[in-house]
Amino acid sequence: MFNAILLTQSDGVTHAQVTELQDDALPADGDVLVAVDYSTINYKDGLAITGKAPVVRAWPMVAGIDGAGTVLESSHPAWRKGDRVVLNGYGVGETHWGCLAQKARLRGDWLVRLPERFTPRDAMIIGTAGYTAMLSVMALERSGVLPHHGDVLVTGASGGVGSVAIALLSSLGYRVVASTGKLHETEYLQALGASEVIDRRLLSDPGKPMQKERWAAVVDSVGSHTLVNAIAQLRYGGVATACGLAQGMDFPANMAPFILRGVTLHGIDSVMAPRELREEAWQRLARDLEPQKLGGISHDVGLADAIGIGQRIVKGEIHGRVVVNVNR
C-alpha cells in the first residue's frame, strides 16, 4: 500500500484527496518502480489539482510532475535497485500517474541520474521550475549573451522559475533585474542575487511595439503583454526566452523588434526536452547553483498539505519553491 494525491473528476469538477492505493493499481506502462522521497508543487500541479485548466487528460490521475527518489525495481538496462533518480515532465501527472505519491512506476528513459551533489530534497527544491530556469540560461549562453552585455530581466521573479533563474544568473556574473507583483518580496529577491527589483505593472499593460532599449536578455515565465513589452525593450541583438504563461497564452506582439533590432525569442520546453539536454541541465545545476541559496527559496510540507498549496499557487500566493515530503 502507498499514499498518493489522487485526482478524480465528476460532472466536470476535479476532486483531489490523499488516498491509500494498492501497489497493483500503479500503471503497467513503466519499467522502473521508484520509491519517491520528495515531490514538489508547480503551477501546473496547481492547475491539475484545482481543475482550473485541462492539464489532466486521463482519469483517475495521481498528481505530481516532479519526483526524486530511489529505484526499487527495474527492468530497464540503465537503472538498478538503489539508484537515485530525478523525474521532470514527460506528461507525468497529466497522462501518466505522477510523483505526489510514495511510489511511482515510470519509464526508465524518462529518468535522469541525480547528481551526487544533490539530495532528493535538493532536487525538488529545484524541480521542473529550476530545471526550466537552467534550460533558459543555457539558451541565452548558446545565443552568445555574456554578463558584460548588460542587464538581464527576469519576469515572474518570485515564482519558482524566476527565483532559480535569478540565483543562477547572478552566480554566473550577470546583473539581474527582477520584475514582480510582490514588491514586499524585494529583500528575498535581492538575497537571491537581484541587483534591482521593479514593479510588474511597468510591463503588464499593452505598450508600444518599440520601446527604449534596456535589456541584453530576458527570462520570461509570464507571457502575454509582459513578454511583448520585454521584447520591445530588448537591446539590438538581444535574446528573450519564454517558458510560461502566468499572465496569458496570448502573444499580442509586433514584428518591429525582430526586424529592426534583430532580437531573438527562444521557446523553452521542459516537458519533452531530449534526455541529453536534461542531463546537461542537471549537471549545470549541480555546478552553478549556489547551495546556500537553496534553503532561502523553499519550504517543506507534507502530502496532505500539498492540495491546499496547489490551490494557493494558482492564486499567486506562493513564492519560491514548495517541497513535498511524500512520507509525511
Protein backbone atom coordinates (compact mmCIF):
# COMPACT_ATOMS: atom_id res chain seq x y z
CA MET A 1 0.00 0.00 0.00
CA PHE A 2 1.10 3.59 -0.59
CA ASN A 3 -0.35 7.08 -0.22
CA ALA A 4 -0.92 9.41 -3.15
CA ILE A 5 -2.83 12.53 -4.15
CA LEU A 6 -5.49 11.06 -6.39
CA LEU A 7 -7.40 13.30 -8.78
CA THR A 8 -10.86 12.31 -9.95
CA GLN A 9 -13.50 14.17 -11.94
CA SER A 10 -17.28 14.14 -11.78
CA ASP A 11 -19.66 16.47 -13.60
CA GLY A 12 -16.69 18.49 -14.79
CA VAL A 13 -15.43 19.16 -11.26
CA THR A 14 -11.99 18.00 -10.17
CA HIS A 15 -11.63 16.38 -6.74
CA ALA A 16 -8.25 15.89 -5.04
CA GLN A 17 -7.62 13.83 -1.94
CA VAL A 18 -4.87 11.81 -0.30
CA THR A 19 -5.79 8.19 -0.94
CA GLU A 20 -4.26 4.87 0.08
CA LEU A 21 -3.70 2.71 -3.01
CA GLN A 22 -2.61 -0.84 -3.68
CA ASP A 23 0.71 -1.34 -5.46
CA ASP A 24 -1.07 -3.19 -8.26
CA ALA A 25 -3.03 -0.01 -9.02
CA LEU A 26 0.14 1.55 -10.45
CA PRO A 27 0.14 1.83 -14.25
CA ALA A 28 1.68 -1.10 -16.08
CA ASP A 29 3.25 1.27 -18.61
CA GLY A 30 6.62 1.63 -16.93
CA ASP A 31 9.79 -0.40 -16.39
CA VAL A 32 11.15 1.25 -13.23
CA LEU A 33 9.48 1.32 -9.82
CA VAL A 34 10.66 4.27 -7.73
CA ALA A 35 10.27 4.92 -4.02
CA VAL A 36 9.56 8.64 -4.12
CA ASP A 37 11.18 10.61 -1.31
CA TYR A 38 10.20 14.14 -2.30
CA SER A 39 8.00 15.84 -4.85
CA THR A 40 7.01 19.47 -5.27
CA ILE A 41 4.13 21.73 -6.28
CA ASN A 42 4.47 23.60 -9.55
CA TYR A 43 1.97 25.98 -11.14
CA LYS A 44 0.95 23.15 -13.47
CA ASP A 45 0.32 20.91 -10.44
CA GLY A 46 -1.87 23.63 -9.01
CA LEU A 47 -3.88 23.78 -12.23
CA ALA A 48 -4.29 19.99 -12.16
CA ILE A 49 -5.33 19.88 -8.51
CA THR A 50 -7.86 22.69 -8.87
CA GLY A 51 -9.07 21.80 -12.35
CA LYS A 52 -8.52 25.42 -13.43
CA ALA A 53 -7.09 24.22 -16.74
CA PRO A 54 -7.34 20.93 -18.66
CA VAL A 55 -3.92 19.69 -17.51
CA VAL A 56 -5.12 16.18 -16.67
CA ARG A 57 -6.06 14.14 -19.73
CA ALA A 58 -6.67 10.70 -18.19
CA TRP A 59 -8.74 9.84 -15.12
CA PRO A 60 -8.18 8.97 -12.36
CA MET A 61 -4.74 10.57 -12.10
CA VAL A 62 -2.07 10.73 -9.44
CA ALA A 63 -0.76 14.30 -9.43
CA GLY A 64 2.85 15.42 -9.47
CA ILE A 65 5.01 16.32 -12.48
CA ASP A 66 8.25 16.11 -10.44
CA GLY A 67 9.78 13.46 -8.24
CA ALA A 68 13.07 12.33 -6.74
CA GLY A 69 13.84 9.08 -5.01
CA THR A 70 15.39 5.64 -5.21
CA VAL A 71 14.87 2.77 -7.65
CA LEU A 72 13.11 -0.20 -6.05
CA GLU A 73 12.80 -2.42 -9.13
CA SER A 74 13.94 -2.07 -12.72
CA SER A 75 13.82 -4.00 -15.97
CA HIS A 76 15.42 -1.07 -17.80
CA PRO A 77 19.11 -1.57 -18.65
CA ALA A 78 20.16 1.87 -17.40
CA TRP A 79 18.80 1.51 -13.88
CA ARG A 80 19.38 -0.80 -10.94
CA LYS A 81 17.90 -1.08 -7.47
CA GLY A 82 19.33 1.63 -5.25
CA ASP A 83 20.00 4.20 -7.99
CA ARG A 84 18.98 7.75 -7.11
CA VAL A 85 16.91 9.39 -9.82
CA VAL A 86 15.01 12.55 -10.65
CA LEU A 87 11.96 12.90 -12.90
CA ASN A 88 10.62 16.02 -14.62
CA GLY A 89 7.77 16.23 -17.11
CA TYR A 90 7.14 13.72 -19.91
CA GLY A 91 3.41 14.00 -19.23
CA VAL A 92 3.73 12.55 -15.73
CA GLY A 93 0.87 13.88 -13.62
CA GLU A 94 -1.03 14.61 -16.85
CA THR A 95 -1.34 11.38 -18.83
CA HIS A 96 0.75 9.05 -16.64
CA TRP A 97 0.46 8.70 -12.84
CA GLY A 98 2.76 11.16 -11.11
CA CYS A 99 5.02 11.62 -8.13
CA LEU A 100 2.86 13.23 -5.44
CA ALA A 101 2.86 9.70 -4.08
CA GLN A 102 5.10 7.37 -2.11
CA LYS A 103 5.64 5.15 -5.17
CA ALA A 104 5.68 5.71 -8.92
CA ARG A 105 6.12 3.34 -11.84
CA LEU A 106 7.91 5.21 -14.61
CA ARG A 107 9.71 4.64 -17.87
CA GLY A 108 13.45 4.39 -17.46
CA ASP A 109 14.02 6.63 -20.49
CA TRP A 110 12.36 9.46 -18.58
CA LEU A 111 14.74 9.35 -15.62
CA VAL A 112 17.92 11.32 -15.00
CA ARG A 113 20.57 10.23 -12.54
CA LEU A 114 20.54 12.53 -9.52
CA PRO A 115 23.86 14.42 -9.34
CA GLU A 116 25.89 13.37 -6.30
CA ARG A 117 25.91 16.92 -5.02
CA PHE A 118 22.13 16.89 -4.52
CA THR A 119 19.88 15.06 -2.10
CA PRO A 120 16.37 14.16 -3.32
CA ARG A 121 15.09 17.12 -1.33
CA ASP A 122 17.58 19.45 -3.05
CA ALA A 123 16.39 18.14 -6.41
CA MET A 124 12.80 19.04 -5.58
CA ILE A 125 13.72 22.50 -4.35
CA ILE A 126 14.99 22.87 -7.91
CA GLY A 127 12.28 20.78 -9.59
CA THR A 128 10.87 21.46 -13.03
CA ALA A 129 10.94 25.19 -12.25
CA GLY A 130 14.68 25.22 -11.61
CA TYR A 131 15.45 22.81 -14.41
CA THR A 132 13.44 25.08 -16.76
CA ALA A 133 15.36 28.09 -15.48
CA MET A 134 18.60 26.28 -16.29
CA LEU A 135 17.36 25.47 -19.80
CA SER A 136 16.60 29.18 -20.21
CA VAL A 137 20.07 30.22 -19.06
CA MET A 138 21.67 27.65 -21.38
CA ALA A 139 19.64 29.09 -24.29
CA LEU A 140 20.96 32.58 -23.50
CA GLU A 141 24.50 31.24 -23.43
CA ARG A 142 24.08 29.43 -26.75
CA SER A 143 22.90 32.75 -28.21
CA GLY A 144 26.09 34.43 -27.05
CA VAL A 145 24.69 36.56 -24.23
CA LEU A 146 27.56 37.40 -21.86
CA PRO A 147 27.47 39.22 -18.49
CA HIS A 148 29.13 42.36 -19.82
CA HIS A 149 26.42 42.78 -22.49
CA GLY A 150 24.04 44.33 -19.98
CA ASP A 151 21.11 43.71 -17.65
CA VAL A 152 19.05 40.53 -17.77
CA LEU A 153 15.36 40.92 -16.92
CA VAL A 154 13.65 38.07 -15.07
CA THR A 155 9.85 38.28 -15.02
CA GLY A 156 7.63 36.41 -12.56
CA ALA A 157 10.64 36.78 -10.31
CA SER A 158 9.15 35.49 -7.06
CA GLY A 159 7.89 32.28 -8.69
CA GLY A 160 9.82 29.05 -8.99
CA VAL A 161 11.39 29.64 -12.42
CA GLY A 162 12.14 33.26 -11.62
CA SER A 163 13.71 32.52 -8.24
CA VAL A 164 16.13 29.92 -9.58
CA ALA A 165 16.88 31.98 -12.70
CA ILE A 166 17.93 34.91 -10.52
CA ALA A 167 20.14 32.67 -8.38
CA LEU A 168 21.76 31.07 -11.44
CA LEU A 169 22.30 34.24 -13.44
CA SER A 170 23.74 36.19 -10.52
CA SER A 171 26.14 33.34 -9.68
CA LEU A 172 27.31 33.38 -13.32
CA GLY A 173 28.08 37.09 -13.12
CA TYR A 174 25.03 38.65 -14.80
CA ARG A 175 23.38 41.77 -13.43
CA VAL A 176 19.75 40.75 -12.87
CA VAL A 177 16.67 42.95 -12.73
CA ALA A 178 13.67 41.20 -11.16
CA SER A 179 10.10 42.04 -12.17
CA THR A 180 7.45 41.10 -9.62
CA GLY A 181 3.96 41.97 -8.46
CA LYS A 182 5.12 41.35 -4.89
CA LEU A 183 7.36 44.28 -4.04
CA HIS A 184 7.26 43.20 -0.41
CA GLU A 185 9.46 40.31 -1.58
CA THR A 186 12.26 42.71 -2.58
CA GLU A 187 14.59 41.59 0.20
CA TYR A 188 14.04 37.95 -0.75
CA LEU A 189 14.81 38.65 -4.42
CA GLN A 190 17.91 40.63 -3.53
CA ALA A 191 19.12 37.75 -1.36
CA LEU A 192 18.85 35.51 -4.43
CA GLY A 193 21.06 37.92 -6.36
CA ALA A 194 18.79 40.53 -7.96
CA SER A 195 20.52 43.89 -8.30
CA GLU A 196 17.26 45.74 -8.91
CA VAL A 197 13.56 44.99 -8.39
CA ILE A 198 10.81 46.61 -10.46
CA ASP A 199 7.01 46.51 -10.32
CA ARG A 200 5.47 44.14 -12.86
CA ARG A 201 2.90 46.81 -13.72
CA LEU A 202 5.62 48.54 -15.72
CA LEU A 203 5.39 45.64 -18.17
CA SER A 204 1.94 44.12 -17.83
CA ASP A 205 -0.20 46.58 -19.82
CA PRO A 206 -0.25 46.99 -23.62
CA GLY A 207 2.70 49.10 -24.78
CA LYS A 208 4.39 50.48 -27.88
CA PRO A 209 5.91 47.92 -30.26
CA MET A 210 9.33 49.61 -29.98
CA GLN A 211 10.42 50.99 -26.62
CA LYS A 212 13.62 52.30 -25.07
CA GLU A 213 16.36 49.67 -25.26
CA ARG A 214 17.21 48.32 -21.83
CA TRP A 215 17.75 44.56 -21.62
CA ALA A 216 20.51 42.42 -23.06
CA ALA A 217 18.30 39.41 -22.38
CA VAL A 218 15.02 38.35 -20.78
CA VAL A 219 13.96 35.19 -18.96
CA ASP A 220 10.15 35.23 -19.06
CA SER A 221 7.66 32.93 -17.37
CA VAL A 222 4.66 35.26 -17.65
CA GLY A 223 3.79 35.60 -21.34
CA SER A 224 1.19 37.94 -22.86
CA HIS A 225 1.82 41.70 -22.64
CA THR A 226 4.68 41.25 -20.18
CA LEU A 227 6.72 39.25 -22.68
CA VAL A 228 5.77 41.56 -25.54
CA ASN A 229 6.90 44.66 -23.63
CA ALA A 230 10.10 42.95 -22.52
CA ILE A 231 10.91 42.14 -26.15
CA ALA A 232 10.12 45.73 -27.16
CA GLN A 233 12.76 46.84 -24.63
CA LEU A 234 15.49 44.42 -25.74
CA ARG A 235 18.73 45.95 -26.95
CA TYR A 236 19.86 45.37 -30.51
CA GLY A 237 20.56 41.65 -30.93
CA GLY A 238 19.01 40.84 -27.56
CA VAL A 239 17.51 37.49 -26.63
CA ALA A 240 14.36 36.51 -24.74
CA THR A 241 13.38 33.06 -23.52
CA ALA A 242 9.74 32.14 -22.94
CA CYS A 243 8.67 29.24 -20.74
CA GLY A 244 5.41 30.22 -19.05
CA LEU A 245 2.02 31.84 -19.37
CA ALA A 246 1.08 33.14 -15.93
CA GLN A 247 -0.44 36.28 -17.47
CA GLY A 248 -1.82 34.52 -20.53
CA MET A 249 -1.10 32.36 -23.56
CA ASP A 250 -1.66 35.22 -25.99
CA PHE A 251 1.26 36.97 -27.68
CA PRO A 252 -0.03 40.37 -28.90
CA ALA A 253 3.29 41.35 -30.43
CA ASN A 254 4.63 43.35 -33.36
CA MET A 255 7.34 42.29 -35.83
CA ALA A 256 9.25 45.57 -35.43
CA PRO A 257 11.73 44.49 -32.71
CA PHE A 258 12.57 41.31 -34.61
CA ILE A 259 13.19 43.08 -37.90
CA LEU A 260 14.63 46.44 -36.76
CA ARG A 261 16.65 45.26 -33.74
CA GLY A 262 17.39 41.68 -34.73
CA VAL A 263 16.15 40.25 -31.45
CA THR A 264 15.54 36.55 -30.85
CA LEU A 265 12.78 34.73 -29.00
CA HIS A 266 13.59 31.22 -27.73
CA GLY A 267 10.77 28.92 -26.66
CA ILE A 268 11.75 26.71 -23.72
CA ASP A 269 10.09 23.31 -23.43
CA SER A 270 10.93 21.35 -20.30
CA VAL A 271 8.32 18.60 -20.71
CA MET A 272 9.67 16.74 -23.73
CA ALA A 273 13.25 18.05 -23.85
CA PRO A 274 15.67 15.33 -25.00
CA ARG A 275 17.47 13.33 -22.36
CA GLU A 276 20.91 14.67 -23.32
CA LEU A 277 19.74 18.24 -22.71
CA ARG A 278 18.17 17.24 -19.39
CA GLU A 279 21.36 15.59 -18.21
CA GLU A 280 23.38 18.65 -19.19
CA ALA A 281 20.93 20.92 -17.36
CA TRP A 282 21.12 18.87 -14.14
CA GLN A 283 24.92 18.75 -14.27
CA ARG A 284 24.99 22.52 -14.78
CA LEU A 285 22.63 23.00 -11.84
CA ALA A 286 24.99 20.94 -9.69
CA ARG A 287 27.88 23.12 -10.81
CA ASP A 288 26.37 26.61 -10.95
CA LEU A 289 23.60 26.83 -8.37
CA GLU A 290 24.99 28.02 -5.06
CA PRO A 291 23.78 25.56 -2.40
CA GLN A 292 23.36 28.19 0.31
CA LYS A 293 20.64 29.81 -1.80
CA LEU A 294 18.52 26.64 -1.91
CA GLY A 295 17.25 26.98 1.65
CA GLY A 296 16.17 30.54 1.08
CA ILE A 297 13.80 29.73 -1.78
CA SER A 298 11.89 26.78 -0.32
CA HIS A 299 9.70 25.46 2.44
CA ASP A 300 8.55 21.93 3.22
CA VAL A 301 5.06 20.48 3.56
CA GLY A 302 3.58 17.02 3.91
CA LEU A 303 1.49 15.19 1.34
CA ALA A 304 -1.81 16.19 2.95
CA ASP A 305 -0.84 19.88 2.82
CA ALA A 306 0.03 19.78 -0.87
CA ILE A 307 -3.58 20.07 -2.02
CA GLY A 308 -4.04 23.40 -0.26
CA ILE A 309 -0.70 24.64 -1.59
CA GLY A 310 -1.85 23.74 -5.12
CA GLN A 311 -4.90 25.93 -4.64
CA ARG A 312 -2.80 28.81 -3.31
CA ILE A 313 -0.15 28.68 -6.02
CA VAL A 314 -2.83 29.21 -8.70
CA LYS A 315 -3.92 32.33 -6.80
CA GLY A 316 -0.36 33.67 -6.82
CA GLU A 317 0.02 33.38 -3.06
CA ILE A 318 3.23 31.32 -3.05
CA HIS A 319 6.78 32.49 -3.65
CA GLY A 320 9.80 30.32 -4.26
CA ARG A 321 9.57 26.56 -4.11
CA VAL A 322 7.38 24.18 -2.11
CA VAL A 323 8.95 20.80 -1.36
CA VAL A 324 6.57 17.92 -0.56
CA ASN A 325 7.78 15.16 1.75
CA VAL A 326 5.52 12.41 0.47
CA ASN A 327 6.21 10.27 3.54
CA ARG A 328 4.99 12.90 5.97
